[in-house]
Amino acid sequence: MAEDLKRSEILRRRKDLTRVLRFGHRIPPKAGTRQERLPLVLCYCRQVNPSTPETPTRRIAFLLSYDLLSSVRRNRLKRLLREIYRRNKKVFPEHYDYALLVGDPCYMLDHQKLKAETLRLASMVS
């Protein structure tokens, strides 16, 4: 498998993102009454038509809050997450769409911890 990240592998359409966030599974699951801020949350959902040739076998979106940091730091973190995903695509199961939600504790993690947490979440997808 090539280690590139094509434009078609990024989840961009609002309809697809809404489907993943609303009807998909979450790792870790949503907290009950007390919402605790987690560094990373992975939402995933089975692709609707995985057999069509133009649909990549897996797609991902990286969702970061605008009010947490400056745009420079936010975009740097997003580039870092894309790079982690690009180099470790094989850990993410095929025929799924993913949304990686980034919480405020994530901004304090270094590259190795961020990579370990992302891969840990991906390995829990069933």
Protein backbone atom coordinates (compact mmCIF):
# COMPACT_ATOMS: atom_id res chain seq x y z
CA MET A 1 0.00 0.00 0.00
CA ALA A 2 1.31 3.40 -0.94
CA GLU A 3 1.97 5.89 1.85
CA ASP A 4 0.26 8.78 0.12
CA LEU A 5 -2.91 10.56 1.19
CA LYS A 6 -5.11 11.37 -1.78
CA ARG A 7 -7.63 14.17 -1.70
CA SER A 8 -10.44 11.64 -2.11
CA GLU A 9 -9.39 9.95 1.15
CA ILE A 10 -10.28 13.04 3.19
CA LEU A 11 -13.91 13.12 4.29
CA ARG A 12 -15.19 16.49 3.09
CA ARG A 13 -18.91 16.33 2.33
CA ARG A 14 -21.20 17.53 5.11
CA LYS A 15 -23.60 14.63 4.45
CA ASP A 16 -20.87 12.04 5.05
CA LEU A 17 -19.50 13.82 8.12
CA THR A 18 -22.97 14.09 9.64
CA ARG A 19 -23.56 10.39 9.05
CA VAL A 20 -20.33 9.46 10.81
CA LEU A 21 -20.90 11.80 13.76
CA ARG A 22 -24.60 11.08 14.23
CA PHE A 23 -24.93 7.39 13.45
CA GLY A 24 -21.38 6.11 13.93
CA HIS A 25 -19.71 4.52 16.92
CA ARG A 26 -17.41 6.44 19.28
CA ILE A 27 -14.18 5.38 20.91
CA PRO A 28 -14.21 6.12 23.80
CA PRO A 29 -18.02 6.24 24.20
CA LYS A 30 -19.78 9.44 25.19
CA ALA A 31 -19.75 10.13 28.89
CA GLY A 32 -23.08 10.07 30.70
CA THR A 33 -23.91 13.18 32.67
CA ARG A 34 -20.40 14.55 33.19
CA GLN A 35 -18.67 15.36 29.93
CA GLU A 36 -14.94 15.06 30.42
CA ARG A 37 -12.60 16.49 27.80
CA LEU A 38 -10.56 13.74 26.16
CA PRO A 39 -7.53 14.33 23.95
CA LEU A 40 -8.85 12.31 21.00
CA VAL A 41 -12.18 10.72 20.13
CA LEU A 42 -12.53 8.49 17.07
CA CYS A 43 -15.96 8.24 15.43
CA TYR A 44 -16.39 5.61 12.74
CA CYS A 45 -19.15 4.33 10.52
CA ARG A 46 -19.37 1.70 7.79
CA GLN A 47 -19.23 3.17 4.28
CA VAL A 48 -22.55 3.26 2.43
CA ASN A 49 -21.29 2.00 -0.95
CA PRO A 50 -17.81 0.57 -0.39
CA SER A 51 -17.90 -1.42 -3.64
CA THR A 52 -17.90 1.56 -6.00
CA PRO A 53 -14.48 2.02 -7.61
CA GLU A 54 -14.30 5.79 -7.05
CA THR A 55 -14.78 5.48 -3.27
CA PRO A 56 -11.52 4.91 -1.38
CA THR A 57 -11.48 1.99 1.04
CA ARG A 58 -11.20 4.34 4.03
CA ARG A 59 -11.78 8.07 4.48
CA ILE A 60 -11.03 10.34 7.42
CA ALA A 61 -11.79 13.84 8.69
CA PHE A 62 -9.87 15.75 11.36
CA LEU A 63 -12.09 18.03 13.44
CA LEU A 64 -10.49 20.69 15.64
CA SER A 65 -12.24 23.46 17.54
CA TYR A 66 -11.61 27.01 16.31
CA ASP A 67 -11.72 28.62 19.73
CA LEU A 68 -8.90 26.66 21.35
CA LEU A 69 -5.71 27.95 19.75
CA SER A 70 -4.35 30.21 17.09
CA SER A 71 -4.81 29.08 13.51
CA VAL A 72 -1.08 28.41 13.16
CA ARG A 73 -0.98 25.90 16.02
CA ARG A 74 -4.33 24.38 15.01
CA ASN A 75 -3.19 23.81 11.41
CA ARG A 76 0.14 22.42 12.58
CA LEU A 77 -1.69 19.89 14.73
CA LYS A 78 -3.95 18.96 11.83
CA ARG A 79 -0.93 18.43 9.55
CA LEU A 80 0.66 16.26 12.22
CA LEU A 81 -2.48 14.12 12.54
CA ARG A 82 -2.68 13.75 8.75
CA GLU A 83 0.92 12.58 8.68
CA ILE A 84 0.30 10.05 11.46
CA TYR A 85 -2.72 8.72 9.56
CA ARG A 86 -0.90 8.68 6.22
CA ARG A 87 1.97 6.59 7.56
CA ASN A 88 -0.27 4.19 9.51
CA LYS A 89 -3.30 3.68 7.26
CA LYS A 90 -3.03 -0.08 7.55
CA VAL A 91 -4.03 0.09 11.23
CA PHE A 92 -7.42 1.62 10.30
CA PRO A 93 -9.80 -1.10 9.04
CA GLU A 94 -11.03 -0.78 5.45
CA HIS A 95 -14.54 0.18 4.29
CA TYR A 96 -15.07 2.68 7.12
CA ASP A 97 -15.35 6.45 7.32
CA TYR A 98 -13.62 8.08 10.30
CA ALA A 99 -13.81 11.41 12.11
CA LEU A 100 -11.05 12.21 14.57
CA LEU A 101 -12.26 14.77 17.13
CA VAL A 102 -9.46 16.67 18.83
CA GLY A 103 -10.02 17.95 22.38
CA ASP A 104 -8.04 20.60 24.22
CA PRO A 105 -5.78 18.15 26.16
CA CYS A 106 -4.46 17.00 22.78
CA TYR A 107 -2.60 20.26 22.26
CA MET A 108 -0.28 19.36 25.12
CA LEU A 109 0.75 15.95 23.72
CA ASP A 110 4.02 15.51 21.86
CA HIS A 111 4.32 13.65 18.55
CA GLN A 112 4.99 10.19 20.03
CA LYS A 113 2.10 10.34 22.52
CA LEU A 114 -0.24 11.66 19.84
CA LYS A 115 0.76 8.83 17.50
CA ALA A 116 0.34 6.21 20.23
CA GLU A 117 -3.11 7.51 21.18
CA THR A 118 -4.28 7.65 17.54
CA LEU A 119 -3.10 4.12 16.83
CA ARG A 120 -4.64 2.84 20.07
CA LEU A 121 -8.04 4.24 19.04
CA ALA A 122 -7.73 2.81 15.52
CA SER A 123 -6.92 -0.66 16.84
CA MET A 124 -10.15 -0.66 18.86
CA VAL A 125 -12.40 -0.32 15.78
CA SER A 126 -14.48 -3.46 15.30
